[in-house]
Amino acid sequence: MPKKSQRARWQKPAKFKTRQVSSCFRCGRAKGYLRDFNLCRICFRELAHRGEIPGIKKSSW
């Protein structure tokens, strides 16, 4: 989990566009980020298992 200071730094507008860091809005994790859902892979998996993301369900075959 990122520190408060890191999250605050990421929220500021970046000097250059390539420096922009996307992070999960739930936990603040910057790695494993899914742009379509604005979540990290871990939070996405938790919410998908609980059925809280519309249109997403666990696959089984």
PDB file of N, CA and C in Angstrom:
ATOM      1  N   MET A   1       0.834  -1.181   0.000  1.00  0.00           N
ATOM      2  CA  MET A   1       0.000   0.000   0.000  1.00  0.00           C
ATOM      3  C   MET A   1       0.886   1.254   0.000  1.00  0.00           C
ATOM      4  N   PRO A   2       0.529   2.235  -0.815  1.00  0.00           N
ATOM      5  CA  PRO A   2       1.306   3.462  -0.846  1.00  0.00           C
ATOM      6  C   PRO A   2       1.042   4.325   0.392  1.00  0.00           C
ATOM      7  N   LYS A   3       2.049   5.112   0.731  1.00  0.00           N
ATOM      8  CA  LYS A   3       1.911   6.027   1.863  1.00  0.00           C
ATOM      9  C   LYS A   3       1.016   7.204   1.471  1.00  0.00           C
ATOM     10  N   LYS A   4       0.546   7.936   2.476  1.00  0.00           N
ATOM     11  CA  LYS A   4      -0.301   9.100   2.211  1.00  0.00           C
ATOM     12  C   LYS A   4       0.421  10.117   1.341  1.00  0.00           C
ATOM     13  N   SER A   5       1.710  10.295   1.584  1.00  0.00           N
ATOM     14  CA  SER A   5       2.483  11.279   0.824  1.00  0.00           C
ATOM     15  C   SER A   5       2.571  10.888  -0.650  1.00  0.00           C
ATOM     16  N   GLN A   6       2.692   9.579  -0.940  1.00  0.00           N
ATOM     17  CA  GLN A   6       2.742   9.126  -2.324  1.00  0.00           C
ATOM     18  C   GLN A   6       1.405   9.361  -3.015  1.00  0.00           C
ATOM     19  N   ARG A   7       0.318   9.041  -2.333  1.00  0.00           N
ATOM     20  CA  ARG A   7      -1.004   9.243  -2.934  1.00  0.00           C
ATOM     21  C   ARG A   7      -1.255  10.719  -3.201  1.00  0.00           C
ATOM     22  N   ALA A   8      -0.819  11.585  -2.282  1.00  0.00           N
ATOM     23  CA  ALA A   8      -0.998  13.025  -2.459  1.00  0.00           C
ATOM     24  C   ALA A   8      -0.185  13.508  -3.662  1.00  0.00           C
ATOM     25  N   ARG A   9       1.016  12.973  -3.825  1.00  0.00           N
ATOM     26  CA  ARG A   9       1.869  13.361  -4.952  1.00  0.00           C
ATOM     27  C   ARG A   9       1.236  12.926  -6.273  1.00  0.00           C
ATOM     28  N   TRP A  10       0.623  11.745  -6.308  1.00  0.00           N
ATOM     29  CA  TRP A  10      -0.003  11.253  -7.534  1.00  0.00           C
ATOM     30  C   TRP A  10      -1.243  12.059  -7.911  1.00  0.00           C
ATOM     31  N   GLN A  11      -1.912  12.648  -6.923  1.00  0.00           N
ATOM     32  CA  GLN A  11      -3.130  13.409  -7.196  1.00  0.00           C
ATOM     33  C   GLN A  11      -2.843  14.762  -7.839  1.00  0.00           C
ATOM     34  N   LYS A  12      -1.648  15.300  -7.603  1.00  0.00           N
ATOM     35  CA  LYS A  12      -1.284  16.584  -8.206  1.00  0.00           C
ATOM     36  C   LYS A  12      -1.137  16.430  -9.719  1.00  0.00           C
ATOM     37  N   PRO A  13      -1.397  17.488 -10.481  1.00  0.00           N
ATOM     38  CA  PRO A  13      -1.196  17.387 -11.927  1.00  0.00           C
ATOM     39  C   PRO A  13       0.296  17.228 -12.244  1.00  0.00           C
ATOM     40  N   ALA A  14       0.606  16.317 -13.159  1.00  0.00           N
ATOM     41  CA  ALA A  14       1.996  16.035 -13.511  1.00  0.00           C
ATOM     42  C   ALA A  14       2.565  17.149 -14.383  1.00  0.00           C
ATOM     43  N   LYS A  15       3.872  17.354 -14.260  1.00  0.00           N
ATOM     44  CA  LYS A  15       4.548  18.374 -15.067  1.00  0.00           C
ATOM     45  C   LYS A  15       4.499  17.977 -16.546  1.00  0.00           C
ATOM     46  N   PHE A  16       4.674  16.699 -16.820  1.00  0.00           N
ATOM     47  CA  PHE A  16       4.606  16.163 -18.178  1.00  0.00           C
ATOM     48  C   PHE A  16       3.600  15.020 -18.196  1.00  0.00           C
ATOM     49  N   LYS A  17       2.933  14.821 -19.324  1.00  0.00           N
ATOM     50  CA  LYS A  17       1.877  13.820 -19.430  1.00  0.00           C
ATOM     51  C   LYS A  17       2.391  12.404 -19.151  1.00  0.00           C
ATOM     52  N   THR A  18       3.633  12.107 -19.549  1.00  0.00           N
ATOM     53  CA  THR A  18       4.172  10.763 -19.372  1.00  0.00           C
ATOM     54  C   THR A  18       4.455  10.435 -17.910  1.00  0.00           C
ATOM     55  N   ARG A  19       4.491  11.421 -17.056  1.00  0.00           N
ATOM     56  CA  ARG A  19       4.745  11.195 -15.634  1.00  0.00           C
ATOM     57  C   ARG A  19       3.479  10.887 -14.842  1.00  0.00           C
ATOM     58  N   GLN A  20       2.341  10.952 -15.484  1.00  0.00           N
ATOM     59  CA  GLN A  20       1.074  10.736 -14.801  1.00  0.00           C
ATOM     60  C   GLN A  20       0.993   9.291 -14.296  1.00  0.00           C
ATOM     61  N   VAL A  21       0.604   9.116 -13.042  1.00  0.00           N
ATOM     62  CA  VAL A  21       0.510   7.787 -12.438  1.00  0.00           C
ATOM     63  C   VAL A  21      -0.951   7.491 -12.135  1.00  0.00           C
ATOM     64  N   SER A  22      -1.456   6.409 -12.691  1.00  0.00           N
ATOM     65  CA  SER A  22      -2.825   5.981 -12.402  1.00  0.00           C
ATOM     66  C   SER A  22      -2.789   5.039 -11.223  1.00  0.00           C
ATOM     67  N   SER A  23      -3.760   5.161 -10.339  1.00  0.00           N
ATOM     68  CA  SER A  23      -3.802   4.266  -9.189  1.00  0.00           C
ATOM     69  C   SER A  23      -5.247   3.895  -8.870  1.00  0.00           C
ATOM     70  N   CYS A  24      -5.388   2.777  -8.195  1.00  0.00           N
ATOM     71  CA  CYS A  24      -6.693   2.254  -7.804  1.00  0.00           C
ATOM     72  C   CYS A  24      -7.379   3.252  -6.874  1.00  0.00           C
ATOM     73  N   PHE A  25      -8.654   3.532  -7.122  1.00  0.00           N
ATOM     74  CA  PHE A  25      -9.338   4.505  -6.267  1.00  0.00           C
ATOM     75  C   PHE A  25      -9.709   3.900  -4.925  1.00  0.00           C
ATOM     76  N   ARG A  26      -9.722   2.567  -4.839  1.00  0.00           N
ATOM     77  CA  ARG A  26     -10.095   1.892  -3.601  1.00  0.00           C
ATOM     78  C   ARG A  26      -8.939   1.765  -2.620  1.00  0.00           C
ATOM     79  N   CYS A  27      -7.791   1.288  -3.110  1.00  0.00           N
ATOM     80  CA  CYS A  27      -6.671   1.026  -2.197  1.00  0.00           C
ATOM     81  C   CYS A  27      -5.446   1.873  -2.508  1.00  0.00           C
ATOM     82  N   GLY A  28      -5.372   2.485  -3.678  1.00  0.00           N
ATOM     83  CA  GLY A  28      -4.249   3.342  -4.023  1.00  0.00           C
ATOM     84  C   GLY A  28      -3.109   2.633  -4.716  1.00  0.00           C
ATOM     85  N   ARG A  29      -3.257   1.353  -5.003  1.00  0.00           N
ATOM     86  CA  ARG A  29      -2.191   0.588  -5.649  1.00  0.00           C
ATOM     87  C   ARG A  29      -1.984   1.086  -7.078  1.00  0.00           C
ATOM     88  N   ALA A  30      -0.714   1.296  -7.459  1.00  0.00           N
ATOM     89  CA  ALA A  30      -0.402   1.832  -8.782  1.00  0.00           C
ATOM     90  C   ALA A  30      -0.059   0.735  -9.789  1.00  0.00           C
ATOM     91  N   LYS A  31       0.384  -0.410  -9.310  1.00  0.00           N
ATOM     92  CA  LYS A  31       0.756  -1.493 -10.229  1.00  0.00           C
ATOM     93  C   LYS A  31      -0.413  -2.460 -10.381  1.00  0.00           C
ATOM     94  N   GLY A  32      -0.532  -3.062 -11.559  1.00  0.00           N
ATOM     95  CA  GLY A  32      -1.640  -3.977 -11.820  1.00  0.00           C
ATOM     96  C   GLY A  32      -2.950  -3.227 -11.955  1.00  0.00           C
ATOM     97  N   TYR A  33      -2.911  -2.040 -12.541  1.00  0.00           N
ATOM     98  CA  TYR A  33      -4.066  -1.147 -12.655  1.00  0.00           C
ATOM     99  C   TYR A  33      -4.849  -1.452 -13.931  1.00  0.00           C
ATOM    100  N   LEU A  34      -6.165  -1.592 -13.827  1.00  0.00           N
ATOM    101  CA  LEU A  34      -7.041  -1.814 -14.974  1.00  0.00           C
ATOM    102  C   LEU A  34      -7.758  -0.508 -15.290  1.00  0.00           C
ATOM    103  N   ARG A  35      -7.399   0.094 -16.405  1.00  0.00           N
ATOM    104  CA  ARG A  35      -7.918   1.416 -16.773  1.00  0.00           C
ATOM    105  C   ARG A  35      -9.430   1.445 -16.944  1.00  0.00           C
ATOM    106  N   ASP A  36      -9.983   0.398 -17.540  1.00  0.00           N
ATOM    107  CA  ASP A  36     -11.425   0.368 -17.810  1.00  0.00           C
ATOM    108  C   ASP A  36     -12.266   0.445 -16.544  1.00  0.00           C
ATOM    109  N   PHE A  37     -11.739  -0.086 -15.449  1.00  0.00           N
ATOM    110  CA  PHE A  37     -12.502  -0.161 -14.209  1.00  0.00           C
ATOM    111  C   PHE A  37     -11.975   0.764 -13.119  1.00  0.00           C
ATOM    112  N   ASN A  38     -10.827   1.398 -13.354  1.00  0.00           N
ATOM    113  CA  ASN A  38     -10.217   2.311 -12.379  1.00  0.00           C
ATOM    114  C   ASN A  38      -9.883   1.572 -11.070  1.00  0.00           C
ATOM    115  N   LEU A  39      -9.522   0.284 -11.200  1.00  0.00           N
ATOM    116  CA  LEU A  39      -9.212  -0.572 -10.057  1.00  0.00           C
ATOM    117  C   LEU A  39      -7.912  -1.321 -10.301  1.00  0.00           C
ATOM    118  N   CYS A  40      -7.276  -1.763  -9.208  1.00  0.00           N
ATOM    119  CA  CYS A  40      -6.128  -2.653  -9.352  1.00  0.00           C
ATOM    120  C   CYS A  40      -6.665  -4.075  -9.529  1.00  0.00           C
ATOM    121  N   ARG A  41      -5.799  -4.983  -9.912  1.00  0.00           N
ATOM    122  CA  ARG A  41      -6.224  -6.359 -10.200  1.00  0.00           C
ATOM    123  C   ARG A  41      -6.792  -7.052  -8.971  1.00  0.00           C
ATOM    124  N   ILE A  42      -6.273  -6.723  -7.791  1.00  0.00           N
ATOM    125  CA  ILE A  42      -6.711  -7.371  -6.559  1.00  0.00           C
ATOM    126  C   ILE A  42      -8.129  -6.929  -6.187  1.00  0.00           C
ATOM    127  N   CYS A  43      -8.357  -5.617  -6.209  1.00  0.00           N
ATOM    128  CA  CYS A  43      -9.693  -5.089  -5.898  1.00  0.00           C
ATOM    129  C   CYS A  43     -10.708  -5.538  -6.948  1.00  0.00           C
ATOM    130  N   PHE A  44     -10.275  -5.563  -8.212  1.00  0.00           N
ATOM    131  CA  PHE A  44     -11.164  -6.027  -9.287  1.00  0.00           C
ATOM    132  C   PHE A  44     -11.617  -7.453  -9.021  1.00  0.00           C
ATOM    133  N   ARG A  45     -10.680  -8.310  -8.650  1.00  0.00           N
ATOM    134  CA  ARG A  45     -10.992  -9.714  -8.400  1.00  0.00           C
ATOM    135  C   ARG A  45     -11.962  -9.862  -7.220  1.00  0.00           C
ATOM    136  N   GLU A  46     -11.711  -9.113  -6.149  1.00  0.00           N
ATOM    137  CA  GLU A  46     -12.586  -9.173  -4.977  1.00  0.00           C
ATOM    138  C   GLU A  46     -14.010  -8.755  -5.323  1.00  0.00           C
ATOM    139  N   LEU A  47     -14.144  -7.633  -6.027  1.00  0.00           N
ATOM    140  CA  LEU A  47     -15.469  -7.128  -6.387  1.00  0.00           C
ATOM    141  C   LEU A  47     -16.172  -8.042  -7.389  1.00  0.00           C
ATOM    142  N   ALA A  48     -15.398  -8.620  -8.323  1.00  0.00           N
ATOM    143  CA  ALA A  48     -15.988  -9.520  -9.313  1.00  0.00           C
ATOM    144  C   ALA A  48     -16.507 -10.787  -8.645  1.00  0.00           C
ATOM    145  N   HIS A  49     -15.791 -11.310  -7.671  1.00  0.00           N
ATOM    146  CA  HIS A  49     -16.250 -12.510  -6.969  1.00  0.00           C
ATOM    147  C   HIS A  49     -17.535 -12.246  -6.194  1.00  0.00           C
ATOM    148  N   ARG A  50     -17.659 -11.029  -5.660  1.00  0.00           N
ATOM    149  CA  ARG A  50     -18.867 -10.677  -4.903  1.00  0.00           C
ATOM    150  C   ARG A  50     -20.024 -10.283  -5.818  1.00  0.00           C
ATOM    151  N   GLY A  51     -19.733 -10.106  -7.121  1.00  0.00           N
ATOM    152  CA  GLY A  51     -20.772  -9.738  -8.080  1.00  0.00           C
ATOM    153  C   GLY A  51     -21.135  -8.267  -8.037  1.00  0.00           C
ATOM    154  N   GLU A  52     -20.219  -7.411  -7.599  1.00  0.00           N
ATOM    155  CA  GLU A  52     -20.500  -5.986  -7.470  1.00  0.00           C
ATOM    156  C   GLU A  52     -20.128  -5.180  -8.709  1.00  0.00           C
ATOM    157  N   ILE A  53     -19.507  -5.823  -9.700  1.00  0.00           N
ATOM    158  CA  ILE A  53     -19.188  -5.131 -10.952  1.00  0.00           C
ATOM    159  C   ILE A  53     -20.187  -5.628 -11.992  1.00  0.00           C
ATOM    160  N   PRO A  54     -21.033  -4.727 -12.517  1.00  0.00           N
ATOM    161  CA  PRO A  54     -22.047  -5.174 -13.469  1.00  0.00           C
ATOM    162  C   PRO A  54     -21.416  -5.701 -14.762  1.00  0.00           C
ATOM    163  N   GLY A  55     -21.942  -6.821 -15.244  1.00  0.00           N
ATOM    164  CA  GLY A  55     -21.474  -7.405 -16.502  1.00  0.00           C
ATOM    165  C   GLY A  55     -20.273  -8.319 -16.351  1.00  0.00           C
ATOM    166  N   ILE A  56     -19.737  -8.491 -15.156  1.00  0.00           N
ATOM    167  CA  ILE A  56     -18.568  -9.328 -14.923  1.00  0.00           C
ATOM    168  C   ILE A  56     -18.988 -10.508 -14.065  1.00  0.00           C
ATOM    169  N   LYS A  57     -18.633 -11.715 -14.502  1.00  0.00           N
ATOM    170  CA  LYS A  57     -18.861 -12.887 -13.674  1.00  0.00           C
ATOM    171  C   LYS A  57     -17.688 -13.848 -13.834  1.00  0.00           C
ATOM    172  N   LYS A  58     -17.469 -14.645 -12.834  1.00  0.00           N
ATOM    173  CA  LYS A  58     -16.347 -15.584 -12.843  1.00  0.00           C
ATOM    174  C   LYS A  58     -16.605 -16.657 -13.883  1.00  0.00           C
ATOM    175  N   SER A  59     -15.612 -16.910 -14.702  1.00  0.00           N
ATOM    176  CA  SER A  59     -15.763 -17.927 -15.736  1.00  0.00           C
ATOM    177  C   SER A  59     -15.440 -19.297 -15.168  1.00  0.00           C
ATOM    178  N   SER A  60     -16.087 -20.308 -15.712  1.00  0.00           N
ATOM    179  CA  SER A  60     -15.783 -21.697 -15.353  1.00  0.00           C
ATOM    180  C   SER A  60     -16.108 -22.563 -16.547  1.00  0.00           C
ATOM    181  N   TRP A  61     -15.276 -23.562 -16.798  1.00  0.00           N
ATOM    182  CA  TRP A  61     -15.520 -24.458 -17.912  1.00  0.00           C
ATOM    183  C   TRP A  61     -15.037 -25.843 -17.618  1.00  0.00           C
TER     184      TRP A  61
END
